Amino acid sequence: MTLNTKINRSRMILGTRSFAAVLSLLILITACARNDSDPVSTAPAPEESAVSIDMPTLPEGEVMDFGITPAIPDGDLAPELLASLDIIFGDELADGLFIGDELEALEMLKSSEDPRVAWLIADMMRFITAPESVALLQATAEELMGISLNPVSAWGEMVDHLIAWDIPAPTNYLKYKRIIFTLVSDDWAPFFDDNATDIDYRLWSWGGVGIDKRPYDRTDEPCNCIPAADNPKTTNAAGGDWYDDDRFVFGVEINGEARAYPRNIMEIREMVNDTLGGRDIAMPYCTLCGSAQVYFTDNLPEGVKRPIFRTSGLLTRSNKIMYDINTFSVFDTFLGAALTGPLAEIGLQLEQAGVVTTTWGEWKALHPNTTILAEELALGRDSDLLNTRDADGPIFPIGDVDPRLPIQEPVLGVISESGTPVAFHVASARSVLGQGGSIQVENIILRLAGGGVRAIDADGNDLGGHQAFWFAWSQFYPNTALWPPG
């Protein structure tokens, strides 16, 4: 089987979703004379004076009509369909061709009027590249789903529809999906876990790269993967003059020690295992969803070894899937929870630290003693994916998206003390804070941090907020509150 590493598809914009009523928010917008870039100031100075705050208008998202959801039969797949799937997912699948019995079985699926099997058609389309097979799979998908697909972008379009329609998985879905993925890489086998009740395997797809399985602290070795960096080399702020002041960094401060992670390096590495402020941390950066996060990987239950994270090469609804190289436990990259393997069995949930997205110039002005990752970690490459690869929107399927904001609009996501997920529109927050206003939602207080925004509580404690594209935050937290409210 050959692998298709080039993805070229039309962007499906937005779908519809019904939401529960937004939870009540305490939103304070007042003017004050304090310096809003002070990350620990939580009370206005006595001499504050009220000024007029110009409230920004939120940009509007779009709603896309995915059409009528096809009828879904009740119960398990019919016995003849299961028999056909057993033939298709037999020993001949590796050649990626449909001949004889395999072709007859595919025709059985095509005429079944059961759109659930379209999920398996999509999984095969992601890997099979023989032109005649691709045409057969596309025709099967179109018949099952009642839509026409652009041959250039057929896989992405069909998965967008399947997600938006919430088509159920077919009987024995994981069994068949595991077969095709492990034909490509045996290393993915542990990830397809029959006991993983918190994984929606329908949403898993291949990201176009191999798995990073290099041992800890050997990330200088080459790999056919997105190469993580362990214990990355750093320099002081003066040594970071290779990085222009107007370029973006992900700033982290732990126990008084600050470090800047240049976005161009993180776009190449996507994963860093580091130590900062005396704490072991991991920083995954999902370039596809604009989210750099920091998880503490110490202070673990007794007997649990520090997780060392790598990029699996797989995605879930355009979010990277990371795993621990020691146990091969899969983690939800966005939520920090173990989903498979020994670490899922103990219910490991990692604590999150805040990340500030700002420019290098603004970060080092705020933290003159900061360190920054060394230039050599960029491997001689200069990456700017948001303005190149992702300029026209997500390149992988995401289905329907909450239309309250545009898909790639940056938000700062934070969980309040009541458990309410809150998305702060970054541009609006910067505008209000820049005018001397203050923002508070429940216990969450926003402060400017250089050119970025961070979330703290009334005692100045970091609340672990991080920036992400709206589509990513809202799909992981579909009932999120939005500030400012519409």
Protein backbone atom coordinates (compact mmCIF):
# COMPACT_ATOMS: atom_id res chain seq x y z
CA MET A 1 0.00 0.00 0.00
CA THR A 2 1.37 3.41 -0.83
CA LEU A 3 0.80 6.41 1.39
CA ASN A 4 -0.69 9.61 0.11
CA THR A 5 1.19 12.37 1.91
CA LYS A 6 -0.32 15.30 0.10
CA ILE A 7 -3.62 16.68 1.27
CA ASN A 8 -5.46 19.13 -0.92
CA ARG A 9 -9.05 19.75 -0.13
CA SER A 10 -11.60 22.49 -0.17
CA ARG A 11 -12.42 23.93 3.24
CA MET A 12 -15.87 23.18 4.56
CA ILE A 13 -16.74 26.18 6.65
CA LEU A 14 -19.26 25.82 9.43
CA GLY A 15 -22.19 23.77 10.49
CA THR A 16 -24.97 24.19 12.98
CA ARG A 17 -25.11 23.00 16.56
CA SER A 18 -27.68 23.53 19.24
CA PHE A 19 -26.36 24.72 22.58
CA ALA A 20 -27.59 24.72 26.12
CA ALA A 21 -28.17 28.16 27.58
CA VAL A 22 -24.93 29.98 28.33
CA LEU A 23 -24.15 29.91 32.02
CA SER A 24 -24.47 33.16 33.90
CA LEU A 25 -21.25 35.19 33.75
CA LEU A 26 -19.96 37.89 36.02
CA ILE A 27 -18.33 40.34 33.63
CA LEU A 28 -16.74 43.46 34.98
CA ILE A 29 -15.48 46.11 32.60
CA THR A 30 -14.19 49.09 34.52
CA ALA A 31 -11.52 51.68 33.89
CA CYS A 32 -8.52 52.05 36.12
CA ALA A 33 -5.21 53.82 36.28
CA ARG A 34 -3.13 50.72 37.05
CA ASN A 35 -0.64 49.13 34.66
CA ASP A 36 -2.53 46.22 33.03
CA SER A 37 0.69 44.49 32.02
CA ASP A 38 1.30 43.74 35.73
CA PRO A 39 0.50 40.02 35.90
CA VAL A 40 -0.19 39.96 39.65
CA SER A 41 -2.14 43.18 40.20
CA THR A 42 -5.72 42.25 41.00
CA ALA A 43 -7.21 45.34 42.66
CA PRO A 44 -7.64 48.85 41.24
CA ALA A 45 -5.60 51.66 42.72
CA PRO A 46 -7.52 54.00 45.04
CA GLU A 47 -7.04 56.91 42.65
CA GLU A 48 -8.65 55.16 39.68
CA SER A 49 -10.99 57.25 37.58
CA ALA A 50 -13.70 56.04 35.25
CA VAL A 51 -13.21 56.43 31.52
CA SER A 52 -15.30 55.34 28.60
CA ILE A 53 -14.55 51.83 27.33
CA ASP A 54 -15.12 51.22 23.64
CA MET A 55 -16.44 47.65 23.50
CA PRO A 56 -15.26 45.75 20.40
CA THR A 57 -17.73 44.02 18.10
CA LEU A 58 -17.17 40.30 17.69
CA PRO A 59 -16.52 39.04 14.16
CA GLU A 60 -19.24 36.71 12.95
CA GLY A 61 -18.73 33.11 12.00
CA GLU A 62 -20.44 31.36 9.13
CA VAL A 63 -22.96 28.56 9.05
CA MET A 64 -22.70 25.90 6.38
CA ASP A 65 -25.57 23.68 5.36
CA PHE A 66 -24.38 20.08 5.12
CA GLY A 67 -27.68 18.96 3.67
CA ILE A 68 -30.06 16.29 4.88
CA THR A 69 -28.63 13.52 7.03
CA PRO A 70 -29.19 10.18 5.28
CA ALA A 71 -31.41 7.59 6.93
CA ILE A 72 -29.58 5.25 9.29
CA PRO A 73 -30.79 1.64 9.70
CA ASP A 74 -31.54 0.35 13.19
CA GLY A 75 -29.42 -2.29 14.90
CA ASP A 76 -26.15 -3.89 13.86
CA LEU A 77 -24.94 -4.14 10.28
CA ALA A 78 -26.66 -6.79 8.23
CA PRO A 79 -24.78 -10.15 8.19
CA GLU A 80 -24.05 -9.83 4.47
CA LEU A 81 -22.40 -6.45 5.07
CA LEU A 82 -20.22 -7.84 7.83
CA ALA A 83 -19.22 -10.69 5.52
CA SER A 84 -18.33 -8.17 2.81
CA LEU A 85 -16.22 -6.16 5.25
CA ASP A 86 -14.35 -9.31 6.29
CA ILE A 87 -13.49 -9.89 2.62
CA ILE A 88 -12.38 -6.29 2.01
CA PHE A 89 -10.31 -6.14 5.19
CA GLY A 90 -8.63 -9.46 4.50
CA ASP A 91 -5.10 -10.25 3.38
CA GLU A 92 -5.50 -8.54 0.00
CA LEU A 93 -6.17 -5.10 1.48
CA ALA A 94 -2.45 -4.36 1.58
CA ASP A 95 -2.25 -4.05 -2.22
CA GLY A 96 -4.93 -1.34 -2.23
CA LEU A 97 -6.81 -2.90 -5.16
CA PHE A 98 -10.38 -4.16 -5.48
CA ILE A 99 -10.47 -7.19 -7.77
CA GLY A 100 -12.69 -10.27 -7.81
CA ASP A 101 -14.19 -10.98 -4.40
CA GLU A 102 -13.02 -7.62 -3.03
CA LEU A 103 -14.75 -5.74 -5.85
CA GLU A 104 -17.95 -7.73 -5.36
CA ALA A 105 -17.83 -7.00 -1.62
CA LEU A 106 -17.34 -3.28 -2.27
CA GLU A 107 -20.37 -3.30 -4.57
CA MET A 108 -22.36 -4.90 -1.76
CA LEU A 109 -21.43 -2.01 0.53
CA LYS A 110 -22.27 0.53 -2.16
CA SER A 111 -25.79 -0.81 -2.61
CA SER A 112 -26.46 -1.31 1.11
CA GLU A 113 -28.08 2.07 1.81
CA ASP A 114 -26.27 2.01 5.16
CA PRO A 115 -24.18 5.20 5.53
CA ARG A 116 -22.44 3.85 8.63
CA VAL A 117 -20.01 1.89 6.47
CA ALA A 118 -18.93 5.19 4.89
CA TRP A 119 -16.61 5.66 7.87
CA LEU A 120 -14.59 2.64 6.73
CA ILE A 121 -14.66 3.85 3.14
CA ALA A 122 -13.16 7.12 4.40
CA ASP A 123 -10.45 5.29 6.34
CA MET A 124 -9.44 3.40 3.21
CA MET A 125 -9.52 6.57 1.11
CA ARG A 126 -7.00 8.19 3.46
CA PHE A 127 -4.32 5.64 2.55
CA ILE A 128 -5.15 3.97 -0.76
CA THR A 129 -3.77 5.87 -3.75
CA ALA A 130 -4.25 3.58 -6.79
CA PRO A 131 -6.39 5.76 -9.12
CA GLU A 132 -8.87 3.02 -10.02
CA SER A 133 -9.36 2.14 -6.34
CA VAL A 134 -9.78 5.78 -5.34
CA ALA A 135 -12.49 6.17 -7.99
CA LEU A 136 -14.32 3.07 -6.72
CA LEU A 137 -14.17 4.26 -3.12
CA GLN A 138 -15.40 7.72 -4.05
CA ALA A 139 -18.33 6.31 -6.02
CA THR A 140 -19.21 4.09 -3.06
CA ALA A 141 -19.12 7.04 -0.66
CA GLU A 142 -21.29 9.18 -2.94
CA GLU A 143 -23.91 6.44 -3.21
CA LEU A 144 -23.98 5.80 0.53
CA MET A 145 -24.13 9.46 1.49
CA GLY A 146 -26.21 10.89 -1.34
CA ILE A 147 -23.73 13.65 -2.17
CA SER A 148 -21.28 14.51 -4.94
CA LEU A 149 -17.61 14.80 -4.03
CA ASN A 150 -14.83 16.77 -5.68
CA PRO A 151 -12.17 14.20 -6.70
CA VAL A 152 -9.43 16.56 -5.51
CA SER A 153 -10.87 16.87 -2.02
CA ALA A 154 -13.18 13.85 -1.72
CA TRP A 155 -11.78 12.41 1.51
CA GLY A 156 -11.96 15.70 3.42
CA GLU A 157 -15.41 16.56 2.14
CA MET A 158 -16.92 13.20 3.03
CA VAL A 159 -15.43 13.18 6.53
CA ASP A 160 -16.67 16.72 7.12
CA HIS A 161 -20.18 15.50 6.27
CA LEU A 162 -19.91 12.35 8.38
CA ILE A 163 -18.82 14.41 11.39
CA ALA A 164 -21.46 17.09 10.85
CA TRP A 165 -24.20 14.47 10.47
CA ASP A 166 -22.86 12.47 13.43
CA ILE A 167 -23.20 9.23 11.50
CA PRO A 168 -22.74 6.31 13.95
CA ALA A 169 -19.81 3.95 13.57
CA PRO A 170 -20.59 0.58 11.97
CA THR A 171 -20.52 -2.71 13.86
CA ASN A 172 -16.93 -3.86 14.63
CA TYR A 173 -15.60 -0.48 13.49
CA LEU A 174 -12.50 -0.51 15.68
CA LYS A 175 -11.56 -4.00 14.49
CA TYR A 176 -11.55 -2.94 10.84
CA LYS A 177 -9.99 0.46 11.45
CA ARG A 178 -7.14 -1.15 13.37
CA ILE A 179 -6.42 -3.41 10.39
CA ILE A 180 -5.91 -0.63 7.89
CA PHE A 181 -3.88 1.61 10.20
CA THR A 182 -1.56 -1.17 11.33
CA LEU A 183 -0.95 -2.14 7.71
CA VAL A 184 0.66 1.28 7.43
CA SER A 185 2.50 1.17 10.79
CA ASP A 186 2.61 -1.62 13.38
CA ASP A 187 3.64 1.02 15.90
CA TRP A 188 0.06 2.34 15.97
CA ALA A 189 -1.37 -1.00 17.15
CA PRO A 190 -1.39 -0.18 20.91
CA PHE A 191 -3.36 2.99 20.25
CA PHE A 192 -6.43 1.12 18.99
CA ASP A 193 -7.62 -0.11 22.36
CA ASP A 194 -10.88 -2.02 22.77
CA ASN A 195 -11.12 -0.73 26.34
CA ALA A 196 -10.75 2.95 25.42
CA THR A 197 -14.25 4.14 26.24
CA ASP A 198 -13.32 7.84 26.07
CA ILE A 199 -12.09 7.78 22.46
CA ASP A 200 -14.30 8.42 19.47
CA TYR A 201 -12.31 6.50 16.88
CA ARG A 202 -14.50 7.82 14.09
CA LEU A 203 -12.59 11.10 14.41
CA TRP A 204 -9.12 9.57 14.18
CA SER A 205 -7.23 10.04 10.95
CA TRP A 206 -3.69 9.98 9.65
CA GLY A 207 -1.81 13.29 9.76
CA GLY A 208 0.52 12.44 6.87
CA VAL A 209 3.66 11.75 8.96
CA GLY A 210 5.21 8.83 10.80
CA ILE A 211 5.30 8.19 14.53
CA ASP A 212 8.08 9.67 16.66
CA LYS A 213 9.30 6.75 18.78
CA ARG A 214 12.81 7.93 19.62
CA PRO A 215 13.85 7.23 23.24
CA TYR A 216 14.08 9.99 25.82
CA ASP A 217 16.86 12.53 25.36
CA ARG A 218 17.81 11.17 21.94
CA THR A 219 15.81 13.70 19.95
CA ASP A 220 18.89 14.80 18.04
CA GLU A 221 18.52 11.59 16.03
CA PRO A 222 16.73 11.93 12.67
CA CYS A 223 13.30 10.43 12.15
CA ASN A 224 10.55 10.23 9.55
CA CYS A 225 8.31 12.12 11.95
CA ILE A 226 7.58 15.47 13.54
CA PRO A 227 10.67 15.56 15.79
CA ALA A 228 10.07 16.34 19.47
CA ALA A 229 12.83 18.03 21.48
CA ASP A 230 13.86 16.80 24.93
CA ASN A 231 15.71 19.13 27.30
CA PRO A 232 16.12 21.76 24.58
CA LYS A 233 19.15 24.00 24.51
CA THR A 234 18.41 27.59 25.55
CA THR A 235 20.16 30.95 25.61
CA ASN A 236 19.60 34.18 27.50
CA ALA A 237 17.60 37.02 25.97
CA ALA A 238 20.69 38.53 24.35
CA GLY A 239 21.44 35.20 22.72
CA GLY A 240 17.99 35.28 21.16
CA ASP A 241 18.85 38.13 18.81
CA TRP A 242 18.51 35.68 15.91
CA TYR A 243 14.74 35.88 16.39
CA ASP A 244 13.07 39.11 15.26
CA ASP A 245 11.25 41.09 17.93
CA ASP A 246 7.97 41.10 16.00
CA ARG A 247 7.80 37.32 15.67
CA PHE A 248 5.62 35.23 17.95
CA VAL A 249 6.67 33.21 20.97
CA PHE A 250 4.83 31.09 23.49
CA GLY A 251 5.85 32.51 26.85
CA VAL A 252 5.81 30.43 30.02
CA GLU A 253 6.68 31.49 33.57
CA ILE A 254 6.88 28.92 36.36
CA ASN A 255 8.08 29.73 39.88
CA GLY A 256 9.62 32.97 38.66
CA GLU A 257 11.57 31.43 35.76
CA ALA A 258 10.51 32.58 32.30
CA ARG A 259 11.15 30.94 28.93
CA ALA A 260 10.17 31.82 25.37
CA TYR A 261 9.37 29.06 22.89
CA PRO A 262 9.58 30.59 19.39
CA ARG A 263 6.59 29.69 17.27
CA ASN A 264 8.73 28.85 14.25
CA ILE A 265 10.64 26.23 16.30
CA MET A 266 7.43 24.84 17.77
CA GLU A 267 5.94 24.53 14.28
CA ILE A 268 8.84 22.23 13.44
CA ARG A 269 9.09 20.34 16.74
CA GLU A 270 5.46 20.41 17.95
CA MET A 271 6.52 18.77 21.22
CA VAL A 272 9.02 19.77 23.90
CA ASN A 273 9.81 17.92 27.13
CA ASP A 274 11.51 20.44 29.39
CA THR A 275 12.18 21.57 32.95
CA LEU A 276 11.31 25.11 34.04
CA GLY A 277 11.14 26.68 37.48
CA GLY A 278 12.07 23.35 39.03
CA ARG A 279 9.08 21.59 37.42
CA ASP A 280 9.06 18.98 34.68
CA ILE A 281 6.79 20.03 31.84
CA ALA A 282 5.68 19.02 28.37
CA MET A 283 4.59 21.53 25.74
CA PRO A 284 2.61 20.14 22.82
CA TYR A 285 1.89 22.61 20.04
CA CYS A 286 -0.89 21.70 17.64
CA THR A 287 -0.19 23.80 14.57
CA LEU A 288 -3.55 22.80 13.09
CA CYS A 289 -5.57 24.22 15.98
CA GLY A 290 -3.26 27.07 17.00
CA SER A 291 -2.82 25.73 20.52
CA ALA A 292 0.39 25.67 22.57
CA GLN A 293 -0.19 24.11 25.99
CA VAL A 294 1.97 23.24 28.97
CA TYR A 295 1.38 20.22 31.20
CA PHE A 296 3.22 19.43 34.41
CA THR A 297 4.74 15.95 34.17
CA ASP A 298 5.93 15.65 37.75
CA ASN A 299 4.19 15.25 41.14
CA LEU A 300 2.63 12.05 39.84
CA PRO A 301 1.03 9.17 41.74
CA GLU A 302 3.49 6.85 43.47
CA GLY A 303 5.17 4.44 41.08
CA VAL A 304 4.30 6.43 37.95
CA LYS A 305 7.26 7.37 35.80
CA ARG A 306 7.39 10.82 34.23
CA PRO A 307 5.56 10.73 30.89
CA ILE A 308 7.73 11.67 27.93
CA PHE A 309 5.56 12.80 25.08
CA ARG A 310 5.88 12.23 21.37
CA THR A 311 3.77 12.98 18.30
CA SER A 312 1.94 9.88 17.07
CA GLY A 313 1.37 11.01 13.49
CA LEU A 314 -2.39 10.70 14.05
CA LEU A 315 -5.09 13.33 14.47
CA THR A 316 -8.52 13.58 16.02
CA ARG A 317 -10.66 16.19 14.29
CA SER A 318 -7.58 18.22 13.32
CA ASN A 319 -5.98 18.00 16.77
CA LYS A 320 -2.68 16.18 17.18
CA ILE A 321 -2.64 12.93 19.16
CA MET A 322 0.27 12.64 21.58
CA TYR A 323 1.44 9.61 23.52
CA ASP A 324 3.87 8.68 26.28
CA ILE A 325 6.92 6.88 24.89
CA ASN A 326 7.36 4.90 28.15
CA THR A 327 3.93 3.27 28.28
CA PHE A 328 2.50 4.00 24.81
CA SER A 329 -0.48 5.55 26.60
CA VAL A 330 -2.41 7.93 24.35
CA PHE A 331 -3.32 11.32 25.82
CA ASP A 332 -5.95 13.82 24.84
CA THR A 333 -3.60 16.59 23.78
CA PHE A 334 -6.17 19.31 24.36
CA LEU A 335 -7.39 18.10 27.76
CA GLY A 336 -4.29 16.40 29.22
CA ALA A 337 -6.09 13.16 30.12
CA ALA A 338 -4.71 9.66 29.49
CA LEU A 339 -7.06 7.75 27.17
CA THR A 340 -5.37 4.38 26.65
CA GLY A 341 -2.75 2.18 28.25
CA PRO A 342 -1.51 1.93 31.84
CA LEU A 343 -1.86 5.67 32.48
CA ALA A 344 -5.51 5.59 31.43
CA GLU A 345 -6.08 2.66 33.79
CA ILE A 346 -5.07 4.86 36.73
CA GLY A 347 -7.02 7.84 35.38
CA LEU A 348 -4.02 10.14 35.01
CA GLN A 349 -5.02 13.77 34.41
CA LEU A 350 -2.20 16.29 34.01
CA GLU A 351 -2.28 19.76 35.55
CA GLN A 352 -1.96 22.61 33.09
CA ALA A 353 0.15 25.80 33.26
CA GLY A 354 -0.66 29.02 31.45
CA VAL A 355 0.88 29.97 28.12
CA VAL A 356 1.06 33.54 26.80
CA THR A 357 1.10 34.08 23.05
CA THR A 358 2.96 37.32 22.35
CA THR A 359 5.93 38.68 20.41
CA TRP A 360 9.53 38.05 21.34
CA GLY A 361 10.14 41.77 21.82
CA GLU A 362 7.19 42.18 24.17
CA TRP A 363 8.00 39.02 26.13
CA LYS A 364 11.63 39.89 26.82
CA ALA A 365 10.65 43.46 27.76
CA LEU A 366 8.29 41.99 30.37
CA HIS A 367 10.81 39.30 31.40
CA PRO A 368 14.35 40.62 30.84
CA ASN A 369 15.84 37.52 32.48
CA THR A 370 13.96 35.14 30.21
CA THR A 371 15.62 32.34 28.33
CA ILE A 372 14.71 31.35 24.78
CA LEU A 373 15.15 28.14 22.82
CA ALA A 374 18.35 28.08 20.78
CA GLU A 375 18.21 28.76 17.05
CA GLU A 376 19.67 25.36 16.17
CA LEU A 377 16.43 23.68 17.29
CA ALA A 378 14.77 25.04 14.15
CA LEU A 379 16.90 22.56 12.15
CA GLY A 380 17.75 25.24 9.62
CA ARG A 381 14.11 25.76 8.68
CA ASP A 382 11.95 28.87 8.95
CA SER A 383 8.29 27.98 9.37
CA ASP A 384 5.17 30.18 9.20
CA LEU A 385 2.31 27.74 8.70
CA LEU A 386 -0.53 30.11 9.57
CA ASN A 387 0.33 32.34 6.64
CA THR A 388 1.17 29.51 4.25
CA ARG A 389 -0.28 26.02 4.70
CA ASP A 390 -3.22 27.12 6.86
CA ALA A 391 -3.94 30.48 5.24
CA ASP A 392 -7.23 29.23 3.75
CA GLY A 393 -8.43 27.48 6.89
CA PRO A 394 -8.08 23.97 8.35
CA ILE A 395 -6.60 21.40 5.98
CA PHE A 396 -8.12 18.43 7.80
CA PRO A 397 -11.80 17.65 8.39
CA ILE A 398 -13.48 19.30 11.38
CA GLY A 399 -17.16 18.94 10.50
CA ASP A 400 -19.53 21.52 11.91
CA VAL A 401 -18.28 24.36 14.10
CA ASP A 402 -19.99 26.73 16.52
CA PRO A 403 -20.79 29.76 14.31
CA ARG A 404 -20.41 32.39 17.03
CA LEU A 405 -16.90 33.17 15.77
CA PRO A 406 -14.87 32.50 12.59
CA ILE A 407 -13.13 29.13 12.57
CA GLN A 408 -9.55 30.30 13.16
CA GLU A 409 -10.33 33.25 15.43
CA PRO A 410 -7.92 33.17 18.42
CA VAL A 411 -9.47 32.72 21.86
CA LEU A 412 -7.96 32.30 25.31
CA GLY A 413 -9.56 29.25 26.88
CA VAL A 414 -9.90 28.89 30.65
CA ILE A 415 -11.97 26.69 32.99
CA SER A 416 -13.64 28.62 35.83
CA GLU A 417 -13.87 27.46 39.45
CA SER A 418 -17.43 26.27 38.78
CA GLY A 419 -16.18 24.11 35.90
CA THR A 420 -17.49 26.42 33.20
CA PRO A 421 -15.30 26.56 30.07
CA VAL A 422 -14.90 30.18 29.00
CA ALA A 423 -13.42 31.39 25.70
CA PHE A 424 -12.15 34.97 25.74
CA HIS A 425 -11.93 36.57 22.32
CA VAL A 426 -8.27 37.60 22.35
CA ALA A 427 -8.52 40.72 20.20
CA SER A 428 -11.46 42.03 22.23
CA ALA A 429 -9.71 41.32 25.53
CA ARG A 430 -6.57 43.11 24.42
CA SER A 431 -8.65 46.09 23.29
CA VAL A 432 -10.56 46.41 26.58
CA LEU A 433 -7.48 45.90 28.75
CA GLY A 434 -5.47 48.27 26.57
CA GLN A 435 -8.07 50.99 27.18
CA GLY A 436 -7.65 50.62 30.93
CA GLY A 437 -10.59 48.31 31.48
CA SER A 438 -10.66 45.12 33.51
CA ILE A 439 -12.25 41.77 32.72
CA GLN A 440 -13.49 39.20 35.21
CA VAL A 441 -15.66 36.13 34.65
CA GLU A 442 -16.38 34.25 37.88
CA ASN A 443 -12.92 33.76 39.41
CA ILE A 444 -11.09 34.37 36.13
CA ILE A 445 -9.29 37.71 35.88
CA LEU A 446 -7.56 38.67 32.65
CA ARG A 447 -4.34 40.66 32.55
CA LEU A 448 -2.16 41.84 29.72
CA ALA A 449 1.19 40.06 29.63
CA GLY A 450 3.37 41.88 27.15
CA GLY A 451 1.33 41.75 23.98
CA GLY A 452 -0.60 38.69 25.09
CA VAL A 453 -3.29 37.89 27.63
CA ARG A 454 -3.11 35.61 30.66
CA ALA A 455 -5.68 34.37 33.18
CA ILE A 456 -5.19 34.57 36.95
CA ASP A 457 -7.35 34.45 40.07
CA ALA A 458 -7.76 37.12 42.75
CA ASP A 459 -4.57 35.94 44.47
CA GLY A 460 -2.54 36.20 41.28
CA ASN A 461 -2.38 32.43 40.74
CA ASP A 462 -2.06 31.20 37.18
CA LEU A 463 -5.23 29.49 35.95
CA GLY A 464 -3.65 27.52 33.12
CA GLY A 465 -5.23 29.39 30.22
CA HIS A 466 -4.00 28.90 26.69
CA GLN A 467 -4.76 30.32 23.28
CA ALA A 468 -6.37 28.25 20.51
CA PHE A 469 -8.38 28.65 17.36
CA TRP A 470 -12.10 28.94 18.06
CA PHE A 471 -12.96 25.75 16.19
CA ALA A 472 -10.64 23.72 18.42
CA TRP A 473 -11.74 25.15 21.77
CA SER A 474 -15.45 24.98 20.89
CA GLN A 475 -15.30 21.39 19.63
CA PHE A 476 -13.65 20.17 22.85
CA TYR A 477 -15.96 22.36 24.94
CA PRO A 478 -19.19 22.54 22.90
CA ASN A 479 -21.06 24.35 25.70
CA THR A 480 -18.37 26.97 26.23
CA ALA A 481 -19.30 30.46 27.31
CA LEU A 482 -17.91 33.25 25.12
CA TRP A 483 -16.60 36.62 26.23
CA PRO A 484 -17.70 39.19 25.32
CA PRO A 485 -21.19 37.71 25.00
CA GLY A 486 -23.01 38.35 21.76
